[in-house]
Amino acid sequence: MIDFMLAAVISAFLNMGLLLVVIGTYVQNMRIIRTYYTSGLVLVAVLLMIQNIVIVLFWSTLYMDDRALMMSADMISHYLFTINVIQTIGLSILVCITRR
């Protein structure tokens, strides 16, 4: 049986790594091309990074504090896992396109 919450957190860490690559590339581009578009790309990538950090904090808080909260989180963990895996696939494609 897969622990979906742990898998979701691993996926969130992978997403953070991919986002670091994307943010680094976008910041480099923003230094050269100063437009609202490049600033917007950096902002969106940073917001996605914050979202993934919140997922990790959510997991650690629920799993470390209260058994009842942990059981509630387990009930929705497969949804969170699915969302994170889809985001990982999308970010992987974005990294490939961005780094070309």
PDB file of N, CA and C in Angstrom:
ATOM      1  N   MET A   1       0.836  -1.175   0.000  1.00  0.00           N
ATOM      2  CA  MET A   1       0.000   0.000   0.000  1.00  0.00           C
ATOM      3  C   MET A   1       0.887   1.248   0.000  1.00  0.00           C
ATOM      4  N   ILE A   2       0.569   2.180  -0.853  1.00  0.00           N
ATOM      5  CA  ILE A   2       1.337   3.407  -0.952  1.00  0.00           C
ATOM      6  C   ILE A   2       0.854   4.394   0.098  1.00  0.00           C
ATOM      7  N   ASP A   3       1.798   4.995   0.786  1.00  0.00           N
ATOM      8  CA  ASP A   3       1.444   6.087   1.684  1.00  0.00           C
ATOM      9  C   ASP A   3       1.373   7.338   0.817  1.00  0.00           C
ATOM     10  N   PHE A   4       0.165   7.703   0.434  1.00  0.00           N
ATOM     11  CA  PHE A   4      -0.031   8.784  -0.520  1.00  0.00           C
ATOM     12  C   PHE A   4       0.466  10.124   0.004  1.00  0.00           C
ATOM     13  N   MET A   5       0.349  10.371   1.289  1.00  0.00           N
ATOM     14  CA  MET A   5       0.794  11.651   1.819  1.00  0.00           C
ATOM     15  C   MET A   5       2.315  11.767   1.719  1.00  0.00           C
ATOM     16  N   LEU A   6       3.034  10.701   2.040  1.00  0.00           N
ATOM     17  CA  LEU A   6       4.488  10.719   1.908  1.00  0.00           C
ATOM     18  C   LEU A   6       4.881  10.888   0.444  1.00  0.00           C
ATOM     19  N   ALA A   7       4.188  10.202  -0.449  1.00  0.00           N
ATOM     20  CA  ALA A   7       4.468  10.337  -1.882  1.00  0.00           C
ATOM     21  C   ALA A   7       4.161  11.750  -2.368  1.00  0.00           C
ATOM     22  N   ALA A   8       3.114  12.367  -1.832  1.00  0.00           N
ATOM     23  CA  ALA A   8       2.777  13.743  -2.204  1.00  0.00           C
ATOM     24  C   ALA A   8       3.871  14.703  -1.751  1.00  0.00           C
ATOM     25  N   VAL A   9       4.425  14.470  -0.584  1.00  0.00           N
ATOM     26  CA  VAL A   9       5.486  15.335  -0.074  1.00  0.00           C
ATOM     27  C   VAL A   9       6.762  15.147  -0.892  1.00  0.00           C
ATOM     28  N   ILE A  10       7.072  13.929  -1.252  1.00  0.00           N
ATOM     29  CA  ILE A  10       8.242  13.684  -2.105  1.00  0.00           C
ATOM     30  C   ILE A  10       8.059  14.393  -3.442  1.00  0.00           C
ATOM     31  N   SER A  11       6.859  14.301  -3.984  1.00  0.00           N
ATOM     32  CA  SER A  11       6.553  14.998  -5.228  1.00  0.00           C
ATOM     33  C   SER A  11       6.661  16.514  -5.048  1.00  0.00           C
ATOM     34  N   ALA A  12       6.232  17.028  -3.900  1.00  0.00           N
ATOM     35  CA  ALA A  12       6.339  18.465  -3.627  1.00  0.00           C
ATOM     36  C   ALA A  12       7.807  18.891  -3.587  1.00  0.00           C
ATOM     37  N   PHE A  13       8.672  18.076  -2.989  1.00  0.00           N
ATOM     38  CA  PHE A  13      10.103  18.399  -2.970  1.00  0.00           C
ATOM     39  C   PHE A  13      10.681  18.377  -4.384  1.00  0.00           C
ATOM     40  N   LEU A  14      10.259  17.419  -5.190  1.00  0.00           N
ATOM     41  CA  LEU A  14      10.693  17.360  -6.589  1.00  0.00           C
ATOM     42  C   LEU A  14      10.216  18.608  -7.337  1.00  0.00           C
ATOM     43  N   ASN A  15       8.971  19.008  -7.074  1.00  0.00           N
ATOM     44  CA  ASN A  15       8.438  20.231  -7.688  1.00  0.00           C
ATOM     45  C   ASN A  15       9.253  21.447  -7.287  1.00  0.00           C
ATOM     46  N   MET A  16       9.665  21.516  -6.023  1.00  0.00           N
ATOM     47  CA  MET A  16      10.474  22.648  -5.567  1.00  0.00           C
ATOM     48  C   MET A  16      11.816  22.688  -6.297  1.00  0.00           C
ATOM     49  N   GLY A  17      12.410  21.539  -6.527  1.00  0.00           N
ATOM     50  CA  GLY A  17      13.661  21.493  -7.282  1.00  0.00           C
ATOM     51  C   GLY A  17      13.467  21.970  -8.714  1.00  0.00           C
ATOM     52  N   LEU A  18      12.393  21.500  -9.353  1.00  0.00           N
ATOM     53  CA  LEU A  18      12.098  21.938 -10.715  1.00  0.00           C
ATOM     54  C   LEU A  18      11.813  23.435 -10.750  1.00  0.00           C
ATOM     55  N   LEU A  19      11.107  23.925  -9.747  1.00  0.00           N
ATOM     56  CA  LEU A  19      10.793  25.353  -9.690  1.00  0.00           C
ATOM     57  C   LEU A  19      12.040  26.198  -9.474  1.00  0.00           C
ATOM     58  N   LEU A  20      13.004  25.692  -8.726  1.00  0.00           N
ATOM     59  CA  LEU A  20      14.263  26.425  -8.554  1.00  0.00           C
ATOM     60  C   LEU A  20      14.965  26.601  -9.897  1.00  0.00           C
ATOM     61  N   VAL A  21      14.939  25.562 -10.726  1.00  0.00           N
ATOM     62  CA  VAL A  21      15.532  25.659 -12.064  1.00  0.00           C
ATOM     63  C   VAL A  21      14.784  26.698 -12.893  1.00  0.00           C
ATOM     64  N   VAL A  22      13.455  26.627 -12.857  1.00  0.00           N
ATOM     65  CA  VAL A  22      12.630  27.561 -13.634  1.00  0.00           C
ATOM     66  C   VAL A  22      12.831  28.995 -13.140  1.00  0.00           C
ATOM     67  N   ILE A  23      12.796  29.197 -11.832  1.00  0.00           N
ATOM     68  CA  ILE A  23      12.966  30.548 -11.280  1.00  0.00           C
ATOM     69  C   ILE A  23      14.344  31.101 -11.637  1.00  0.00           C
ATOM     70  N   GLY A  24      15.370  30.280 -11.519  1.00  0.00           N
ATOM     71  CA  GLY A  24      16.717  30.725 -11.882  1.00  0.00           C
ATOM     72  C   GLY A  24      16.802  31.156 -13.338  1.00  0.00           C
ATOM     73  N   THR A  25      16.198  30.385 -14.216  1.00  0.00           N
ATOM     74  CA  THR A  25      16.201  30.720 -15.642  1.00  0.00           C
ATOM     75  C   THR A  25      15.418  31.996 -15.903  1.00  0.00           C
ATOM     76  N   TYR A  26      14.250  32.114 -15.277  1.00  0.00           N
ATOM     77  CA  TYR A  26      13.424  33.300 -15.482  1.00  0.00           C
ATOM     78  C   TYR A  26      14.081  34.560 -14.922  1.00  0.00           C
ATOM     79  N   VAL A  27      14.760  34.434 -13.795  1.00  0.00           N
ATOM     80  CA  VAL A  27      15.453  35.599 -13.226  1.00  0.00           C
ATOM     81  C   VAL A  27      16.588  36.028 -14.156  1.00  0.00           C
ATOM     82  N   GLN A  28      17.317  35.071 -14.719  1.00  0.00           N
ATOM     83  CA  GLN A  28      18.360  35.412 -15.692  1.00  0.00           C
ATOM     84  C   GLN A  28      17.760  36.142 -16.889  1.00  0.00           C
ATOM     85  N   ASN A  29      16.633  35.636 -17.372  1.00  0.00           N
ATOM     86  CA  ASN A  29      15.970  36.278 -18.513  1.00  0.00           C
ATOM     87  C   ASN A  29      15.451  37.665 -18.137  1.00  0.00           C
ATOM     88  N   MET A  30      14.981  37.801 -16.896  1.00  0.00           N
ATOM     89  CA  MET A  30      14.429  39.076 -16.455  1.00  0.00           C
ATOM     90  C   MET A  30      15.524  40.151 -16.399  1.00  0.00           C
ATOM     91  N   ARG A  31      16.742  39.762 -16.104  1.00  0.00           N
ATOM     92  CA  ARG A  31      17.844  40.726 -16.086  1.00  0.00           C
ATOM     93  C   ARG A  31      18.141  41.263 -17.484  1.00  0.00           C
ATOM     94  N   ILE A  32      17.908  40.417 -18.491  1.00  0.00           N
ATOM     95  CA  ILE A  32      18.170  40.808 -19.873  1.00  0.00           C
ATOM     96  C   ILE A  32      16.937  41.461 -20.507  1.00  0.00           C
ATOM     97  N   ILE A  33      15.795  40.842 -20.304  1.00  0.00           N
ATOM     98  CA  ILE A  33      14.544  41.295 -20.917  1.00  0.00           C
ATOM     99  C   ILE A  33      13.646  41.833 -19.809  1.00  0.00           C
ATOM    100  N   ARG A  34      13.604  43.106 -19.660  1.00  0.00           N
ATOM    101  CA  ARG A  34      12.809  43.727 -18.592  1.00  0.00           C
ATOM    102  C   ARG A  34      11.405  44.042 -19.101  1.00  0.00           C
ATOM    103  N   THR A  35      10.519  43.056 -18.959  1.00  0.00           N
ATOM    104  CA  THR A  35       9.125  43.263 -19.361  1.00  0.00           C
ATOM    105  C   THR A  35       8.212  42.737 -18.260  1.00  0.00           C
ATOM    106  N   TYR A  36       6.936  43.102 -18.379  1.00  0.00           N
ATOM    107  CA  TYR A  36       5.953  42.586 -17.436  1.00  0.00           C
ATOM    108  C   TYR A  36       5.818  41.070 -17.580  1.00  0.00           C
ATOM    109  N   TYR A  37       6.014  40.573 -18.776  1.00  0.00           N
ATOM    110  CA  TYR A  37       5.884  39.132 -19.035  1.00  0.00           C
ATOM    111  C   TYR A  37       6.907  38.339 -18.233  1.00  0.00           C
ATOM    112  N   THR A  38       8.175  38.750 -18.304  1.00  0.00           N
ATOM    113  CA  THR A  38       9.200  38.002 -17.565  1.00  0.00           C
ATOM    114  C   THR A  38       9.007  38.149 -16.054  1.00  0.00           C
ATOM    115  N   SER A  39       8.590  39.347 -15.632  1.00  0.00           N
ATOM    116  CA  SER A  39       8.293  39.535 -14.199  1.00  0.00           C
ATOM    117  C   SER A  39       7.131  38.649 -13.775  1.00  0.00           C
ATOM    118  N   GLY A  40       6.136  38.537 -14.630  1.00  0.00           N
ATOM    119  CA  GLY A  40       4.984  37.680 -14.341  1.00  0.00           C
ATOM    120  C   GLY A  40       5.368  36.213 -14.259  1.00  0.00           C
ATOM    121  N   LEU A  41       6.278  35.779 -15.127  1.00  0.00           N
ATOM    122  CA  LEU A  41       6.740  34.384 -15.080  1.00  0.00           C
ATOM    123  C   LEU A  41       7.440  34.094 -13.753  1.00  0.00           C
ATOM    124  N   VAL A  42       8.266  35.024 -13.310  1.00  0.00           N
ATOM    125  CA  VAL A  42       8.950  34.842 -12.023  1.00  0.00           C
ATOM    126  C   VAL A  42       7.929  34.791 -10.896  1.00  0.00           C
ATOM    127  N   LEU A  43       6.946  35.690 -10.930  1.00  0.00           N
ATOM    128  CA  LEU A  43       5.934  35.730  -9.883  1.00  0.00           C
ATOM    129  C   LEU A  43       5.129  34.430  -9.825  1.00  0.00           C
ATOM    130  N   VAL A  44       4.720  33.913 -10.971  1.00  0.00           N
ATOM    131  CA  VAL A  44       3.956  32.664 -10.999  1.00  0.00           C
ATOM    132  C   VAL A  44       4.796  31.508 -10.456  1.00  0.00           C
ATOM    133  N   ALA A  45       6.057  31.439 -10.855  1.00  0.00           N
ATOM    134  CA  ALA A  45       6.928  30.366 -10.372  1.00  0.00           C
ATOM    135  C   ALA A  45       7.142  30.473  -8.861  1.00  0.00           C
ATOM    136  N   VAL A  46       7.287  31.686  -8.347  1.00  0.00           N
ATOM    137  CA  VAL A  46       7.460  31.876  -6.898  1.00  0.00           C
ATOM    138  C   VAL A  46       6.190  31.460  -6.155  1.00  0.00           C
ATOM    139  N   LEU A  47       5.027  31.809  -6.703  1.00  0.00           N
ATOM    140  CA  LEU A  47       3.769  31.404  -6.063  1.00  0.00           C
ATOM    141  C   LEU A  47       3.609  29.884  -6.052  1.00  0.00           C
ATOM    142  N   LEU A  48       4.013  29.228  -7.121  1.00  0.00           N
ATOM    143  CA  LEU A  48       3.983  27.761  -7.127  1.00  0.00           C
ATOM    144  C   LEU A  48       4.952  27.189  -6.096  1.00  0.00           C
ATOM    145  N   MET A  49       6.093  27.856  -5.913  1.00  0.00           N
ATOM    146  CA  MET A  49       7.050  27.412  -4.894  1.00  0.00           C
ATOM    147  C   MET A  49       6.421  27.539  -3.508  1.00  0.00           C
ATOM    148  N   ILE A  50       5.744  28.650  -3.248  1.00  0.00           N
ATOM    149  CA  ILE A  50       5.082  28.841  -1.955  1.00  0.00           C
ATOM    150  C   ILE A  50       4.034  27.761  -1.738  1.00  0.00           C
ATOM    151  N   GLN A  51       3.286  27.437  -2.775  1.00  0.00           N
ATOM    152  CA  GLN A  51       2.268  26.389  -2.674  1.00  0.00           C
ATOM    153  C   GLN A  51       2.890  25.048  -2.269  1.00  0.00           C
ATOM    154  N   ASN A  52       4.015  24.711  -2.843  1.00  0.00           N
ATOM    155  CA  ASN A  52       4.665  23.449  -2.507  1.00  0.00           C
ATOM    156  C   ASN A  52       5.256  23.472  -1.099  1.00  0.00           C
ATOM    157  N   ILE A  53       5.754  24.618  -0.672  1.00  0.00           N
ATOM    158  CA  ILE A  53       6.244  24.736   0.704  1.00  0.00           C
ATOM    159  C   ILE A  53       5.095  24.549   1.687  1.00  0.00           C
ATOM    160  N   VAL A  54       3.940  25.119   1.367  1.00  0.00           N
ATOM    161  CA  VAL A  54       2.760  24.964   2.227  1.00  0.00           C
ATOM    162  C   VAL A  54       2.341  23.499   2.307  1.00  0.00           C
ATOM    163  N   ILE A  55       2.425  22.770   1.202  1.00  0.00           N
ATOM    164  CA  ILE A  55       2.087  21.341   1.218  1.00  0.00           C
ATOM    165  C   ILE A  55       2.994  20.586   2.185  1.00  0.00           C
ATOM    166  N   VAL A  56       4.288  20.871   2.145  1.00  0.00           N
ATOM    167  CA  VAL A  56       5.229  20.192   3.045  1.00  0.00           C
ATOM    168  C   VAL A  56       4.944  20.566   4.493  1.00  0.00           C
ATOM    169  N   LEU A  57       4.684  21.848   4.749  1.00  0.00           N
ATOM    170  CA  LEU A  57       4.358  22.275   6.115  1.00  0.00           C
ATOM    171  C   LEU A  57       3.035  21.654   6.579  1.00  0.00           C
ATOM    172  N   PHE A  58       2.060  21.579   5.697  1.00  0.00           N
ATOM    173  CA  PHE A  58       0.778  20.950   5.988  1.00  0.00           C
ATOM    174  C   PHE A  58       0.992  19.500   6.405  1.00  0.00           C
ATOM    175  N   TRP A  59       1.794  18.792   5.641  1.00  0.00           N
ATOM    176  CA  TRP A  59       2.061  17.390   5.940  1.00  0.00           C
ATOM    177  C   TRP A  59       2.757  17.243   7.289  1.00  0.00           C
ATOM    178  N   SER A  60       3.801  18.029   7.502  1.00  0.00           N
ATOM    179  CA  SER A  60       4.559  17.878   8.751  1.00  0.00           C
ATOM    180  C   SER A  60       3.717  18.260   9.960  1.00  0.00           C
ATOM    181  N   THR A  61       2.884  19.278   9.828  1.00  0.00           N
ATOM    182  CA  THR A  61       2.027  19.700  10.942  1.00  0.00           C
ATOM    183  C   THR A  61       1.001  18.624  11.268  1.00  0.00           C
ATOM    184  N   LEU A  62       0.342  18.109  10.248  1.00  0.00           N
ATOM    185  CA  LEU A  62      -0.703  17.114  10.491  1.00  0.00           C
ATOM    186  C   LEU A  62      -0.133  15.804  11.015  1.00  0.00           C
ATOM    187  N   TYR A  63       1.014  15.421  10.519  1.00  0.00           N
ATOM    188  CA  TYR A  63       1.564  14.136  10.916  1.00  0.00           C
ATOM    189  C   TYR A  63       2.319  14.186  12.234  1.00  0.00           C
ATOM    190  N   MET A  64       2.693  15.337  12.675  1.00  0.00           N
ATOM    191  CA  MET A  64       3.451  15.422  13.913  1.00  0.00           C
ATOM    192  C   MET A  64       2.595  15.804  15.113  1.00  0.00           C
ATOM    193  N   ASP A  65       1.447  16.421  14.883  1.00  0.00           N
ATOM    194  CA  ASP A  65       0.685  16.985  15.983  1.00  0.00           C
ATOM    195  C   ASP A  65      -0.419  16.090  16.540  1.00  0.00           C
ATOM    196  N   ASP A  66      -1.302  15.627  15.691  1.00  0.00           N
ATOM    197  CA  ASP A  66      -2.531  15.031  16.191  1.00  0.00           C
ATOM    198  C   ASP A  66      -2.916  13.813  15.357  1.00  0.00           C
ATOM    199  N   ARG A  67      -3.239  12.748  16.038  1.00  0.00           N
ATOM    200  CA  ARG A  67      -3.619  11.500  15.355  1.00  0.00           C
ATOM    201  C   ARG A  67      -4.928  11.669  14.573  1.00  0.00           C
ATOM    202  N   ALA A  68      -5.889  12.405  15.105  1.00  0.00           N
ATOM    203  CA  ALA A  68      -7.163  12.608  14.414  1.00  0.00           C
ATOM    204  C   ALA A  68      -6.954  13.422  13.137  1.00  0.00           C
ATOM    205  N   LEU A  69      -6.103  14.435  13.213  1.00  0.00           N
ATOM    206  CA  LEU A  69      -5.795  15.218  12.015  1.00  0.00           C
ATOM    207  C   LEU A  69      -5.074  14.373  10.983  1.00  0.00           C
ATOM    208  N   MET A  70      -4.213  13.491  11.452  1.00  0.00           N
ATOM    209  CA  MET A  70      -3.488  12.616  10.554  1.00  0.00           C
ATOM    210  C   MET A  70      -4.439  11.713   9.784  1.00  0.00           C
ATOM    211  N   MET A  71      -5.449  11.198  10.446  1.00  0.00           N
ATOM    212  CA  MET A  71      -6.419  10.329   9.781  1.00  0.00           C
ATOM    213  C   MET A  71      -7.238  11.117   8.764  1.00  0.00           C
ATOM    214  N   SER A  72      -7.576  12.365   9.084  1.00  0.00           N
ATOM    215  CA  SER A  72      -8.292  13.214   8.130  1.00  0.00           C
ATOM    216  C   SER A  72      -7.425  13.485   6.903  1.00  0.00           C
ATOM    217  N   ALA A  73      -6.156  13.747   7.136  1.00  0.00           N
ATOM    218  CA  ALA A  73      -5.244  13.998   6.018  1.00  0.00           C
ATOM    219  C   ALA A  73      -5.086  12.751   5.159  1.00  0.00           C
ATOM    220  N   ASP A  74      -5.075  11.586   5.768  1.00  0.00           N
ATOM    221  CA  ASP A  74      -4.971  10.346   5.007  1.00  0.00           C
ATOM    222  C   ASP A  74      -6.153  10.147   4.070  1.00  0.00           C
ATOM    223  N   MET A  75      -7.320  10.633   4.473  1.00  0.00           N
ATOM    224  CA  MET A  75      -8.506  10.464   3.633  1.00  0.00           C
ATOM    225  C   MET A  75      -8.418  11.270   2.343  1.00  0.00           C
ATOM    226  N   ILE A  76      -7.699  12.383   2.357  1.00  0.00           N
ATOM    227  CA  ILE A  76      -7.586  13.200   1.152  1.00  0.00           C
ATOM    228  C   ILE A  76      -6.213  13.107   0.502  1.00  0.00           C
ATOM    229  N   SER A  77      -5.339  12.304   1.051  1.00  0.00           N
ATOM    230  CA  SER A  77      -3.955  12.277   0.588  1.00  0.00           C
ATOM    231  C   SER A  77      -3.816  11.818  -0.864  1.00  0.00           C
ATOM    232  N   HIS A  78      -4.676  10.912  -1.317  1.00  0.00           N
ATOM    233  CA  HIS A  78      -4.557  10.460  -2.702  1.00  0.00           C
ATOM    234  C   HIS A  78      -4.899  11.584  -3.688  1.00  0.00           C
ATOM    235  N   TYR A  79      -5.773  12.515  -3.285  1.00  0.00           N
ATOM    236  CA  TYR A  79      -6.067  13.667  -4.135  1.00  0.00           C
ATOM    237  C   TYR A  79      -4.855  14.604  -4.202  1.00  0.00           C
ATOM    238  N   LEU A  80      -4.267  14.849  -3.063  1.00  0.00           N
ATOM    239  CA  LEU A  80      -3.083  15.696  -3.006  1.00  0.00           C
ATOM    240  C   LEU A  80      -1.943  15.085  -3.813  1.00  0.00           C
ATOM    241  N   PHE A  81      -1.783  13.780  -3.705  1.00  0.00           N
ATOM    242  CA  PHE A  81      -0.759  13.075  -4.474  1.00  0.00           C
ATOM    243  C   PHE A  81      -0.992  13.240  -5.971  1.00  0.00           C
ATOM    244  N   THR A  82      -2.232  13.062  -6.402  1.00  0.00           N
ATOM    245  CA  THR A  82      -2.559  13.186  -7.822  1.00  0.00           C
ATOM    246  C   THR A  82      -2.267  14.595  -8.333  1.00  0.00           C
ATOM    247  N   ILE A  83      -2.667  15.590  -7.559  1.00  0.00           N
ATOM    248  CA  ILE A  83      -2.415  16.979  -7.947  1.00  0.00           C
ATOM    249  C   ILE A  83      -0.912  17.237  -8.051  1.00  0.00           C
ATOM    250  N   ASN A  84      -0.139  16.748  -7.092  1.00  0.00           N
ATOM    251  CA  ASN A  84       1.306  16.970  -7.106  1.00  0.00           C
ATOM    252  C   ASN A  84       1.988  16.259  -8.265  1.00  0.00           C
ATOM    253  N   VAL A  85       1.539  15.056  -8.590  1.00  0.00           N
ATOM    254  CA  VAL A  85       2.149  14.327  -9.712  1.00  0.00           C
ATOM    255  C   VAL A  85       1.843  15.043 -11.030  1.00  0.00           C
ATOM    256  N   ILE A  86       0.618  15.523 -11.177  1.00  0.00           N
ATOM    257  CA  ILE A  86       0.275  16.284 -12.387  1.00  0.00           C
ATOM    258  C   ILE A  86       1.129  17.544 -12.467  1.00  0.00           C
ATOM    259  N   GLN A  87       1.324  18.208 -11.334  1.00  0.00           N
ATOM    260  CA  GLN A  87       2.167  19.402 -11.311  1.00  0.00           C
ATOM    261  C   GLN A  87       3.615  19.035 -11.647  1.00  0.00           C
ATOM    262  N   THR A  88       4.099  17.916 -11.164  1.00  0.00           N
ATOM    263  CA  THR A  88       5.462  17.482 -11.465  1.00  0.00           C
ATOM    264  C   THR A  88       5.627  17.250 -12.964  1.00  0.00           C
ATOM    265  N   ILE A  89       4.655  16.612 -13.580  1.00  0.00           N
ATOM    266  CA  ILE A  89       4.717  16.375 -15.029  1.00  0.00           C
ATOM    267  C   ILE A  89       4.718  17.708 -15.774  1.00  0.00           C
ATOM    268  N   GLY A  90       3.828  18.608 -15.391  1.00  0.00           N
ATOM    269  CA  GLY A  90       3.771  19.918 -16.035  1.00  0.00           C
ATOM    270  C   GLY A  90       5.048  20.711 -15.859  1.00  0.00           C
ATOM    271  N   LEU A  91       5.600  20.701 -14.649  1.00  0.00           N
ATOM    272  CA  LEU A  91       6.845  21.434 -14.400  1.00  0.00           C
ATOM    273  C   LEU A  91       8.020  20.812 -15.147  1.00  0.00           C
ATOM    274  N   SER A  92       8.023  19.490 -15.283  1.00  0.00           N
ATOM    275  CA  SER A  92       9.082  18.821 -16.043  1.00  0.00           C
ATOM    276  C   SER A  92       9.048  19.268 -17.505  1.00  0.00           C
ATOM    277  N   ILE A  93       7.857  19.347 -18.063  1.00  0.00           N
ATOM    278  CA  ILE A  93       7.710  19.831 -19.441  1.00  0.00           C
ATOM    279  C   ILE A  93       8.155  21.288 -19.532  1.00  0.00           C
ATOM    280  N   LEU A  94       7.765  22.096 -18.549  1.00  0.00           N
ATOM    281  CA  LEU A  94       8.145  23.505 -18.534  1.00  0.00           C
ATOM    282  C   LEU A  94       9.661  23.678 -18.454  1.00  0.00           C
ATOM    283  N   VAL A  95      10.312  22.863 -17.616  1.00  0.00           N
ATOM    284  CA  VAL A  95      11.772  22.938 -17.502  1.00  0.00           C
ATOM    285  C   VAL A  95      12.420  22.580 -18.830  1.00  0.00           C
ATOM    286  N   CYS A  96      11.927  21.525 -19.484  1.00  0.00           N
ATOM    287  CA  CYS A  96      12.487  21.123 -20.778  1.00  0.00           C
ATOM    288  C   CYS A  96      12.342  22.240 -21.807  1.00  0.00           C
ATOM    289  N   ILE A  97      11.172  22.863 -21.847  1.00  0.00           N
ATOM    290  CA  ILE A  97      10.933  23.936 -22.820  1.00  0.00           C
ATOM    291  C   ILE A  97      11.759  25.172 -22.455  1.00  0.00           C
ATOM    292  N   THR A  98      11.817  25.494 -21.182  1.00  0.00           N
ATOM    293  CA  THR A  98      12.509  26.702 -20.729  1.00  0.00           C
ATOM    294  C   THR A  98      14.014  26.599 -20.949  1.00  0.00           C
ATOM    295  N   ARG A  99      14.588  25.441 -20.741  1.00  0.00           N
ATOM    296  CA  ARG A  99      16.045  25.277 -20.827  1.00  0.00           C
ATOM    297  C   ARG A  99      16.540  25.135 -22.258  1.00  0.00           C
ATOM    298  N   ARG A 100      15.668  25.069 -23.255  1.00  0.00           N
ATOM    299  CA  ARG A 100      16.107  24.935 -24.661  1.00  0.00           C
ATOM    300  C   ARG A 100      16.711  26.165 -25.176  1.00  0.00           C
TER     301      ARG A 100
END
